Amino acid sequence: MLRRALAAFFLLAAALPLAGTTPDASWRRVVIEPTWTSIYVGTVSLRMPEFNRNSAGEFESSYSARVLPWFFQNESGRLAIAVTDDALRRLAGGESIDFTGHAANHTGQPRGITGRATPVDITSGRIKVRVRVSASVELIFNTTYRFTGN
């Protein structure tokens, strides 16, 4: 469950845009800083490499989630966050945006993702990601994002 939540978080982070009034090459890559959240008697840490925007308007990346002390719950997988060109323009204009995404762990189990990105400046800001691991488990991650351009 924790791995799923981490995957969702990374998807959300990938959805954040770079500066500009229209989406261009500078909005194609985004870095989401590693993050963690508390769980009952433990923590879940989430790491994702840089996200890349595909032709469908989704930011994609892989993820790795570590669950302490329950290492047997660790997981990895792929995630994608959908962000429209209009949402990227609003984010670059200083407006917060909500986003959704999806992830699947290494065994194919799906993870639902929702989140909110709040800009601090034109290329970076804060992000809150909610990862639905199961019907009864949702992990919430808070971290930062930064667009890196082409």
Protein backbone atom coordinates (compact mmCIF):
# COMPACT_ATOMS: atom_id res chain seq x y z
CA MET A 1 0.00 0.00 0.00
CA LEU A 2 2.77 2.39 0.88
CA ARG A 3 4.51 1.78 -2.41
CA ARG A 4 1.35 2.71 -4.26
CA ALA A 5 1.03 5.94 -2.40
CA LEU A 6 4.58 6.87 -3.21
CA ALA A 7 4.02 6.21 -6.88
CA ALA A 8 1.08 8.54 -6.90
CA PHE A 9 3.08 11.26 -5.28
CA PHE A 10 5.71 11.10 -7.97
CA LEU A 11 3.12 11.32 -10.68
CA LEU A 12 1.77 14.49 -9.22
CA ALA A 13 5.17 16.05 -8.96
CA ALA A 14 5.84 15.35 -12.60
CA ALA A 15 2.83 17.36 -13.64
CA LEU A 16 4.22 20.76 -12.67
CA PRO A 17 5.20 23.26 -15.43
CA LEU A 18 8.04 25.69 -16.15
CA ALA A 19 7.91 29.38 -16.91
CA GLY A 20 6.30 30.85 -19.95
CA THR A 21 2.91 31.93 -21.18
CA THR A 22 2.51 28.92 -23.43
CA PRO A 23 3.80 25.41 -22.90
CA ASP A 24 7.06 24.92 -24.76
CA ALA A 25 10.30 22.98 -24.38
CA SER A 26 10.99 24.61 -21.00
CA TRP A 27 7.90 22.87 -19.56
CA ARG A 28 8.93 19.35 -20.56
CA ARG A 29 11.01 18.33 -17.55
CA VAL A 30 10.39 18.70 -13.84
CA VAL A 31 12.27 17.56 -10.75
CA ILE A 32 10.34 16.54 -7.65
CA GLU A 33 12.39 16.47 -4.47
CA PRO A 34 12.46 13.20 -2.47
CA THR A 35 9.85 13.12 0.27
CA TRP A 36 8.45 10.99 3.06
CA THR A 37 5.32 10.59 5.15
CA SER A 38 4.54 8.99 8.49
CA ILE A 39 2.53 5.80 8.80
CA TYR A 40 1.54 3.78 11.82
CA VAL A 41 4.85 2.92 13.52
CA GLY A 42 6.96 3.80 10.50
CA THR A 43 7.65 5.97 7.48
CA VAL A 44 7.35 5.78 3.71
CA SER A 45 9.98 7.55 1.62
CA LEU A 46 9.45 8.31 -2.04
CA ARG A 47 12.03 9.00 -4.74
CA MET A 48 11.48 9.72 -8.42
CA PRO A 49 13.88 10.60 -11.19
CA GLU A 50 13.12 13.63 -13.36
CA PHE A 51 9.68 13.64 -15.02
CA ASN A 52 9.35 14.12 -18.77
CA ARG A 53 6.22 15.38 -20.54
CA ASN A 54 4.99 13.12 -23.35
CA SER A 55 2.98 14.01 -26.46
CA ALA A 56 -0.27 13.18 -24.63
CA GLY A 57 0.41 15.95 -22.08
CA GLU A 58 1.36 13.61 -19.22
CA PHE A 59 4.45 13.87 -17.06
CA GLU A 60 5.96 10.39 -16.72
CA SER A 61 8.60 8.87 -14.48
CA SER A 62 9.46 5.82 -12.44
CA TYR A 63 9.35 5.73 -8.65
CA SER A 64 10.83 3.90 -5.71
CA ALA A 65 9.07 3.68 -2.34
CA ARG A 66 10.77 2.47 0.84
CA VAL A 67 8.67 1.45 3.83
CA LEU A 68 10.38 1.39 7.21
CA PRO A 69 10.47 -0.81 9.16
CA TRP A 70 8.41 -3.06 6.84
CA PHE A 71 10.97 -3.44 4.03
CA PHE A 72 8.90 -6.26 2.48
CA GLN A 73 6.35 -3.55 1.52
CA ASN A 74 8.92 -1.66 -0.60
CA GLU A 75 7.90 -1.17 -4.21
CA SER A 76 8.82 0.47 -7.47
CA GLY A 77 6.84 1.25 -10.59
CA ARG A 78 5.80 3.83 -13.19
CA LEU A 79 3.55 6.84 -12.86
CA ALA A 80 1.98 9.54 -15.00
CA ILE A 81 0.35 12.85 -14.14
CA ALA A 82 -1.98 14.58 -16.56
CA VAL A 83 -1.58 18.36 -16.83
CA THR A 84 -3.22 20.34 -19.61
CA ASP A 85 -1.52 23.23 -21.42
CA ASP A 86 -4.09 25.56 -19.83
CA ALA A 87 -3.21 24.29 -16.34
CA LEU A 88 0.49 24.89 -17.06
CA ARG A 89 -0.28 28.47 -18.14
CA ARG A 90 -2.25 29.05 -14.93
CA LEU A 91 0.59 27.62 -12.84
CA ALA A 92 3.13 29.85 -14.61
CA GLY A 93 0.79 32.78 -13.94
CA GLY A 94 0.97 32.15 -10.18
CA GLU A 95 -2.28 30.20 -9.76
CA SER A 96 -2.49 26.89 -7.88
CA ILE A 97 -3.69 23.90 -9.89
CA ASP A 98 -5.20 20.53 -9.04
CA PHE A 99 -4.12 17.42 -10.95
CA THR A 100 -4.81 13.71 -11.27
CA GLY A 101 -2.70 10.78 -12.32
CA HIS A 102 -2.21 7.07 -12.23
CA ALA A 103 0.53 4.65 -11.29
CA ALA A 104 1.20 0.95 -11.34
CA ASN A 105 3.71 -0.86 -9.18
CA HIS A 106 6.12 -3.56 -10.35
CA THR A 107 3.38 -6.20 -10.00
CA GLY A 108 0.82 -4.15 -11.94
CA GLN A 109 -1.30 -3.02 -8.99
CA PRO A 110 -2.88 0.38 -9.77
CA ARG A 111 -2.50 3.48 -7.61
CA GLY A 112 -4.73 6.55 -7.88
CA ILE A 113 -3.14 9.98 -7.61
CA THR A 114 -4.53 13.44 -6.93
CA GLY A 115 -2.74 16.58 -5.90
CA ARG A 116 -2.27 20.31 -5.84
CA ALA A 117 0.67 22.37 -7.07
CA THR A 118 1.22 25.86 -5.65
CA PRO A 119 3.83 28.05 -7.37
CA VAL A 120 6.40 30.00 -5.38
CA ASP A 121 7.92 31.56 -8.50
CA ILE A 122 7.65 30.93 -12.23
CA THR A 123 9.74 27.72 -12.25
CA SER A 124 9.20 26.18 -8.82
CA GLY A 125 6.79 25.69 -5.97
CA ARG A 126 5.20 23.34 -3.46
CA ILE A 127 3.28 20.19 -4.25
CA LYS A 128 0.91 18.05 -2.20
CA VAL A 129 0.23 14.57 -3.54
CA ARG A 130 -2.33 12.04 -2.34
CA VAL A 131 -1.72 8.43 -3.29
CA ARG A 132 -4.63 6.00 -2.98
CA VAL A 133 -3.03 2.68 -2.07
CA SER A 134 -6.27 0.85 -1.28
CA ALA A 135 -9.88 1.61 -0.41
CA SER A 136 -8.84 2.36 3.16
CA VAL A 137 -5.27 3.68 2.78
CA GLU A 138 -4.24 7.05 1.36
CA LEU A 139 -0.73 8.48 1.74
CA ILE A 140 -0.13 12.25 1.64
CA PHE A 141 3.24 13.66 0.58
CA ASN A 142 4.37 17.30 0.71
CA THR A 143 7.47 18.40 -1.19
CA THR A 144 8.70 20.85 -3.82
CA TYR A 145 9.03 20.87 -7.60
CA ARG A 146 11.33 22.69 -10.04
CA PHE A 147 11.13 22.83 -13.84
CA THR A 148 14.48 22.25 -15.49
CA GLY A 149 13.70 23.02 -19.15
CA ASN A 150 14.65 20.89 -22.12
